[in-house]
Amino acid sequence: MSILSQKAVLAALNVGGWNARKRNDEASSVVHNHFHADKDSGNFNQVLIDVKDPSWVRITKARTALREYHYAHTLPWQAKGAQLLVTAMYLDFNSDIRKLIEEYMDATNDFIVNHYDQLKADAKKKRNGLYHEGDYPSLQDLRRKFYAEVRFFPVPDAGHVIVDLQNAEVDRIKADTEAMIEQAVAEAQAAVWSRLYEPVAAMAAALVDPDKRFHDTLVSNVKDIVKMAPAMNLNNDPNLTAMVAEVKRLTKTGAETLRTDPERRAVQAKMAADLAKKMSSLMPRSP
């Protein structure tokens, strides 16, 4: 059984929604004619509702939070549509992702029930000749456009190949599967190193300038990856384990202290820069 089969599952997040935009060929033609431009030079894509309305902003924020959480807590997988999820993180991930899905669906339901009709009416008044009723889905169709789900699947394993083929073909499939798993582990390890390196390098760049302002996330981003990296270390790379322990030292000083204590800030800046340089020499490159 491969490392991935023992330590990870595949998590596939599927999110859908209405984008509130529509290409307007008639308006595009007017623009082309006005500027004497070729038809391939561009198209007019109209925004169908006020996308700054709080109900719509709530949807976009919920969808972004859902996707960002999914990709932050999983690792790349070769097949499109799925990511590797370390089994040690499964329970927390499953609980958190389902809450985020619920928040997204609650936001879409509020938009559809309480705001969509009014936003359509507002658009009809403001957009004049650009308004076309056919650009707007019915409430029933709109509901079908919004969905979110997460599914989990086992990671393929060469030992599970059981097919009615010649031995040579079975051996080839197993070899291909083993090669895919080996590359997937290498890509996952490279991703963990990169995720550890990026917030440390960002901290070094921000703190070296005593006048540069920064958000609390400068420290919390480092804390987050330090917390997740040990479980994501699929092949138990000792260099990665040691580096996580070193990076953890950067989390002992809070953001506010770094803002108000110039001496501590300078020390932290050097520490972060030294770690980023050391990491750069150790981290593998994506295959």
Protein backbone atom coordinates (compact mmCIF):
# COMPACT_ATOMS: atom_id res chain seq x y z
CA MET A 1 0.00 0.00 0.00
CA SER A 2 1.37 3.43 -0.98
CA ILE A 3 2.07 6.32 1.39
CA LEU A 4 -0.86 8.25 -0.04
CA SER A 5 -3.30 5.37 0.39
CA GLN A 6 -2.32 5.20 4.06
CA LYS A 7 -2.15 8.90 4.81
CA ALA A 8 -4.58 10.70 2.52
CA VAL A 9 -7.89 10.67 0.72
CA LEU A 10 -9.08 12.68 -2.25
CA ALA A 11 -11.42 15.59 -1.54
CA ALA A 12 -13.39 17.03 -4.44
CA LEU A 13 -15.15 20.36 -3.94
CA ASN A 14 -17.84 21.27 -6.44
CA VAL A 15 -19.25 24.81 -6.25
CA GLY A 16 -21.65 26.40 -8.68
CA GLY A 17 -23.36 29.74 -8.98
CA TRP A 18 -24.80 32.43 -11.20
CA ASN A 19 -22.20 35.01 -12.30
CA ALA A 20 -24.69 37.87 -12.86
CA ARG A 21 -23.03 38.74 -16.17
CA LYS A 22 -24.03 38.33 -19.80
CA ARG A 23 -22.37 39.10 -23.10
CA ASN A 24 -24.37 41.63 -25.07
CA ASP A 25 -23.73 41.17 -28.80
CA GLU A 26 -25.85 44.18 -29.73
CA ALA A 27 -23.90 46.50 -27.45
CA SER A 28 -20.64 44.93 -28.63
CA SER A 29 -21.58 45.74 -32.24
CA VAL A 30 -22.28 49.36 -31.31
CA VAL A 31 -18.85 49.67 -29.69
CA HIS A 32 -17.13 48.03 -32.67
CA ASN A 33 -18.86 50.37 -35.11
CA HIS A 34 -18.18 53.46 -33.02
CA PHE A 35 -14.46 52.75 -32.87
CA HIS A 36 -14.26 51.16 -36.32
CA ALA A 37 -12.82 48.11 -34.62
CA ASP A 38 -12.68 44.50 -35.75
CA LYS A 39 -15.32 42.20 -34.25
CA ASP A 40 -12.60 40.14 -32.59
CA SER A 41 -11.25 43.13 -30.69
CA GLY A 42 -13.53 42.62 -27.70
CA ASN A 43 -17.02 42.09 -26.38
CA PHE A 44 -19.33 44.04 -24.12
CA ASN A 45 -20.13 42.03 -21.01
CA GLN A 46 -22.84 43.65 -18.97
CA VAL A 47 -23.33 43.28 -15.24
CA LEU A 48 -26.95 42.29 -14.70
CA ILE A 49 -27.43 43.44 -11.10
CA ASP A 50 -25.76 45.72 -8.58
CA VAL A 51 -22.86 43.49 -7.53
CA LYS A 52 -22.11 45.85 -4.62
CA ASP A 53 -25.42 44.99 -2.99
CA PRO A 54 -24.72 43.40 0.43
CA SER A 55 -26.71 40.28 -0.43
CA TRP A 56 -24.52 39.61 -3.47
CA VAL A 57 -21.30 40.53 -1.65
CA ARG A 58 -22.26 38.00 1.01
CA ILE A 59 -22.47 35.27 -1.65
CA THR A 60 -19.13 36.12 -3.24
CA LYS A 61 -17.38 36.28 0.14
CA ALA A 62 -18.88 32.95 1.22
CA ARG A 63 -17.87 31.29 -2.06
CA THR A 64 -14.33 32.70 -1.79
CA ALA A 65 -14.00 31.56 1.83
CA LEU A 66 -15.17 28.07 0.87
CA ARG A 67 -12.68 27.68 -1.96
CA GLU A 68 -9.79 29.26 -0.07
CA TYR A 69 -10.32 26.95 2.90
CA HIS A 70 -10.44 23.90 0.63
CA TYR A 71 -7.19 24.71 -1.16
CA ALA A 72 -5.40 25.87 1.99
CA HIS A 73 -6.09 22.58 3.77
CA THR A 74 -5.43 20.20 0.89
CA LEU A 75 -2.53 19.42 -1.40
CA PRO A 76 -2.33 19.19 -5.19
CA TRP A 77 -3.41 16.05 -6.98
CA GLN A 78 -2.77 15.22 -10.62
CA ALA A 79 -6.39 14.66 -11.64
CA LYS A 80 -8.43 17.83 -12.11
CA GLY A 81 -11.23 18.42 -9.62
CA ALA A 82 -9.75 16.70 -6.57
CA GLN A 83 -7.14 17.54 -3.96
CA LEU A 84 -5.24 15.42 -1.46
CA LEU A 85 -6.54 15.63 2.08
CA VAL A 86 -4.36 14.22 4.84
CA THR A 87 -6.47 11.78 6.88
CA ALA A 88 -5.16 13.26 10.13
CA MET A 89 -6.95 16.48 9.16
CA TYR A 90 -10.13 14.83 7.88
CA LEU A 91 -12.42 15.34 10.90
CA ASP A 92 -11.68 19.04 11.30
CA PHE A 93 -11.74 19.58 7.55
CA ASN A 94 -15.07 17.81 7.09
CA SER A 95 -16.65 19.78 9.92
CA ASP A 96 -15.29 23.15 8.78
CA ILE A 97 -15.96 22.69 5.07
CA ARG A 98 -19.57 21.70 5.69
CA LYS A 99 -20.10 24.81 7.81
CA LEU A 100 -18.68 26.92 4.98
CA ILE A 101 -20.94 25.15 2.50
CA GLU A 102 -23.91 25.88 4.74
CA GLU A 103 -22.92 29.55 4.95
CA TYR A 104 -22.67 29.73 1.16
CA MET A 105 -26.05 28.10 0.62
CA ASP A 106 -27.66 30.29 3.31
CA ALA A 107 -26.29 33.36 1.51
CA THR A 108 -27.65 32.18 -1.84
CA ASN A 109 -31.05 31.39 -0.35
CA ASP A 110 -31.26 34.85 1.24
CA PHE A 111 -30.33 36.45 -2.10
CA ILE A 112 -32.92 34.48 -4.05
CA VAL A 113 -35.78 34.85 -1.58
CA ASN A 114 -35.27 38.38 -0.33
CA HIS A 115 -33.25 40.37 -2.86
CA TYR A 116 -33.23 38.98 -6.41
CA ASP A 117 -36.57 40.40 -7.57
CA GLN A 118 -35.76 43.86 -6.21
CA LEU A 119 -32.32 43.86 -7.80
CA LYS A 120 -33.92 42.91 -11.11
CA ALA A 121 -36.39 45.77 -10.77
CA ASP A 122 -33.56 48.19 -9.96
CA ALA A 123 -31.59 46.96 -12.97
CA LYS A 124 -34.60 47.49 -15.24
CA LYS A 125 -34.76 51.13 -14.18
CA LYS A 126 -31.04 51.85 -14.37
CA ARG A 127 -29.99 49.89 -17.46
CA ASN A 128 -32.73 51.05 -19.80
CA GLY A 129 -32.05 49.58 -23.26
CA LEU A 130 -29.45 47.19 -21.92
CA TYR A 131 -32.07 45.40 -19.84
CA HIS A 132 -33.48 42.19 -21.32
CA GLU A 133 -35.77 40.02 -19.24
CA GLY A 134 -34.42 36.90 -20.92
CA ASP A 135 -30.98 37.51 -19.40
CA TYR A 136 -32.35 36.79 -15.94
CA PRO A 137 -33.06 33.20 -14.84
CA SER A 138 -36.32 32.30 -13.18
CA LEU A 139 -36.25 31.69 -9.44
CA GLN A 140 -36.39 27.96 -10.09
CA ASP A 141 -33.49 28.06 -12.55
CA LEU A 142 -31.54 30.36 -10.25
CA ARG A 143 -31.82 27.87 -7.40
CA ARG A 144 -30.40 25.14 -9.64
CA LYS A 145 -27.38 27.28 -10.50
CA PHE A 146 -26.25 27.54 -6.88
CA TYR A 147 -24.84 24.41 -5.27
CA ALA A 148 -21.88 23.26 -3.20
CA GLU A 149 -20.75 19.82 -2.16
CA VAL A 150 -17.62 18.01 -1.09
CA ARG A 151 -16.97 14.34 -1.82
CA PHE A 152 -14.24 12.05 -0.60
CA PHE A 153 -12.60 9.21 -2.51
CA PRO A 154 -9.77 6.77 -1.80
CA VAL A 155 -6.41 7.46 -3.40
CA PRO A 156 -5.67 4.98 -6.21
CA ASP A 157 -3.23 2.23 -5.29
CA ALA A 158 -1.29 -0.01 -7.66
CA GLY A 159 -2.17 -3.00 -5.51
CA HIS A 160 -5.86 -2.51 -6.22
CA VAL A 161 -5.55 -3.08 -9.96
CA ILE A 162 -7.70 -6.12 -10.74
CA VAL A 163 -8.70 -6.36 -14.37
CA ASP A 164 -9.23 -9.06 -16.94
CA LEU A 165 -6.19 -8.27 -19.09
CA GLN A 166 -2.94 -9.89 -20.09
CA ASN A 167 -0.29 -9.88 -17.37
CA ALA A 168 1.86 -7.43 -19.32
CA GLU A 169 -0.99 -4.92 -19.47
CA VAL A 170 -1.78 -5.34 -15.77
CA ASP A 171 1.89 -4.79 -14.94
CA ARG A 172 1.92 -1.66 -17.11
CA ILE A 173 -1.16 -0.23 -15.38
CA LYS A 174 0.37 -0.95 -11.98
CA ALA A 175 3.64 0.69 -13.01
CA ASP A 176 1.80 3.75 -14.32
CA THR A 177 -0.18 3.98 -11.07
CA GLU A 178 2.97 3.70 -8.96
CA ALA A 179 4.67 6.40 -11.02
CA MET A 180 1.65 8.66 -10.64
CA ILE A 181 1.60 8.17 -6.88
CA GLU A 182 5.33 8.84 -6.63
CA GLN A 183 4.99 12.07 -8.58
CA ALA A 184 1.92 13.09 -6.56
CA VAL A 185 3.86 12.68 -3.31
CA ALA A 186 6.73 14.75 -4.73
CA GLU A 187 4.34 17.51 -5.84
CA ALA A 188 2.57 17.48 -2.48
CA GLN A 189 5.87 17.80 -0.60
CA ALA A 190 6.97 20.66 -2.84
CA ALA A 191 3.64 22.38 -2.16
CA VAL A 192 4.08 22.10 1.61
CA TRP A 193 7.57 23.59 1.42
CA SER A 194 6.26 26.42 -0.74
CA ARG A 195 3.40 27.14 1.66
CA LEU A 196 5.86 27.25 4.55
CA TYR A 197 8.29 29.48 2.68
CA GLU A 198 5.85 32.09 1.36
CA PRO A 199 4.59 33.59 4.66
CA VAL A 200 8.11 33.56 6.10
CA ALA A 201 9.48 35.42 3.08
CA ALA A 202 6.54 37.83 3.29
CA MET A 203 7.31 38.49 6.95
CA ALA A 204 10.97 39.16 6.18
CA ALA A 205 10.05 41.62 3.42
CA ALA A 206 7.49 43.46 5.55
CA LEU A 207 9.56 43.76 8.73
CA VAL A 208 12.82 44.88 7.17
CA ASP A 209 11.28 48.30 6.50
CA PRO A 210 10.54 49.89 9.92
CA ASP A 211 7.89 52.17 8.39
CA LYS A 212 6.00 49.50 6.47
CA ARG A 213 2.54 48.72 7.83
CA PHE A 214 1.20 45.20 7.97
CA HIS A 215 -1.87 43.26 9.08
CA ASP A 216 -2.09 40.68 11.85
CA THR A 217 -2.16 38.02 9.14
CA LEU A 218 1.60 38.52 8.73
CA VAL A 219 1.97 36.42 11.89
CA SER A 220 -1.24 34.36 11.74
CA ASN A 221 -0.39 33.06 8.26
CA VAL A 222 2.84 31.64 9.66
CA LYS A 223 0.94 30.12 12.60
CA ASP A 224 -1.56 28.46 10.27
CA ILE A 225 1.00 26.68 8.12
CA VAL A 226 3.11 25.67 11.14
CA LYS A 227 0.01 23.99 12.52
CA MET A 228 -0.82 22.13 9.29
CA ALA A 229 2.62 21.30 7.89
CA PRO A 230 3.48 18.34 10.19
CA ALA A 231 0.39 16.41 9.07
CA MET A 232 1.02 17.36 5.44
CA ASN A 233 4.57 15.98 5.58
CA LEU A 234 3.55 12.81 3.74
CA ASN A 235 6.97 11.21 3.39
CA ASN A 236 8.21 12.31 6.82
CA ASP A 237 10.95 14.52 5.39
CA PRO A 238 13.27 15.26 8.35
CA ASN A 239 14.38 18.54 6.79
CA LEU A 240 10.80 19.72 6.63
CA THR A 241 10.15 18.61 10.21
CA ALA A 242 13.19 20.51 11.44
CA MET A 243 12.29 23.59 9.40
CA VAL A 244 8.76 23.70 10.81
CA ALA A 245 10.24 23.70 14.32
CA GLU A 246 12.49 26.62 13.40
CA VAL A 247 9.71 28.60 11.71
CA LYS A 248 7.53 28.09 14.79
CA ARG A 249 9.85 30.49 16.63
CA LEU A 250 8.51 33.30 14.44
CA THR A 251 5.04 32.85 15.95
CA LYS A 252 6.12 33.62 19.51
CA THR A 253 6.03 37.38 18.94
CA GLY A 254 2.65 38.93 18.22
CA ALA A 255 1.87 41.38 15.45
CA GLU A 256 1.25 44.27 17.84
CA THR A 257 4.64 43.82 19.49
CA LEU A 258 6.29 43.88 16.08
CA ARG A 259 4.52 47.17 15.34
CA THR A 260 5.49 48.89 18.58
CA ASP A 261 8.91 47.44 19.42
CA PRO A 262 11.52 48.45 16.80
CA GLU A 263 14.23 46.30 18.36
CA ARG A 264 12.07 43.18 18.42
CA ARG A 265 10.95 43.92 14.87
CA ALA A 266 14.54 44.10 13.62
CA VAL A 267 15.41 40.81 15.31
CA GLN A 268 12.34 39.13 13.85
CA ALA A 269 13.07 40.52 10.38
CA LYS A 270 16.57 39.02 10.41
CA MET A 271 15.31 35.71 11.75
CA ALA A 272 12.65 35.49 9.05
CA ALA A 273 15.14 36.45 6.32
CA ASP A 274 17.65 33.84 7.51
CA LEU A 275 14.97 31.14 7.60
CA ALA A 276 13.67 32.07 4.16
CA LYS A 277 17.21 31.86 2.75
CA LYS A 278 17.82 28.52 4.44
CA MET A 279 14.48 27.20 3.25
CA SER A 280 15.18 28.25 -0.30
CA SER A 281 18.29 26.07 -0.35
CA LEU A 282 16.47 23.04 1.06
CA MET A 283 13.05 23.05 -0.54
CA PRO A 284 12.45 20.78 -3.52
CA ARG A 285 11.17 22.18 -6.78
CA SER A 286 7.86 21.06 -8.21
CA PRO A 287 8.40 18.03 -10.49
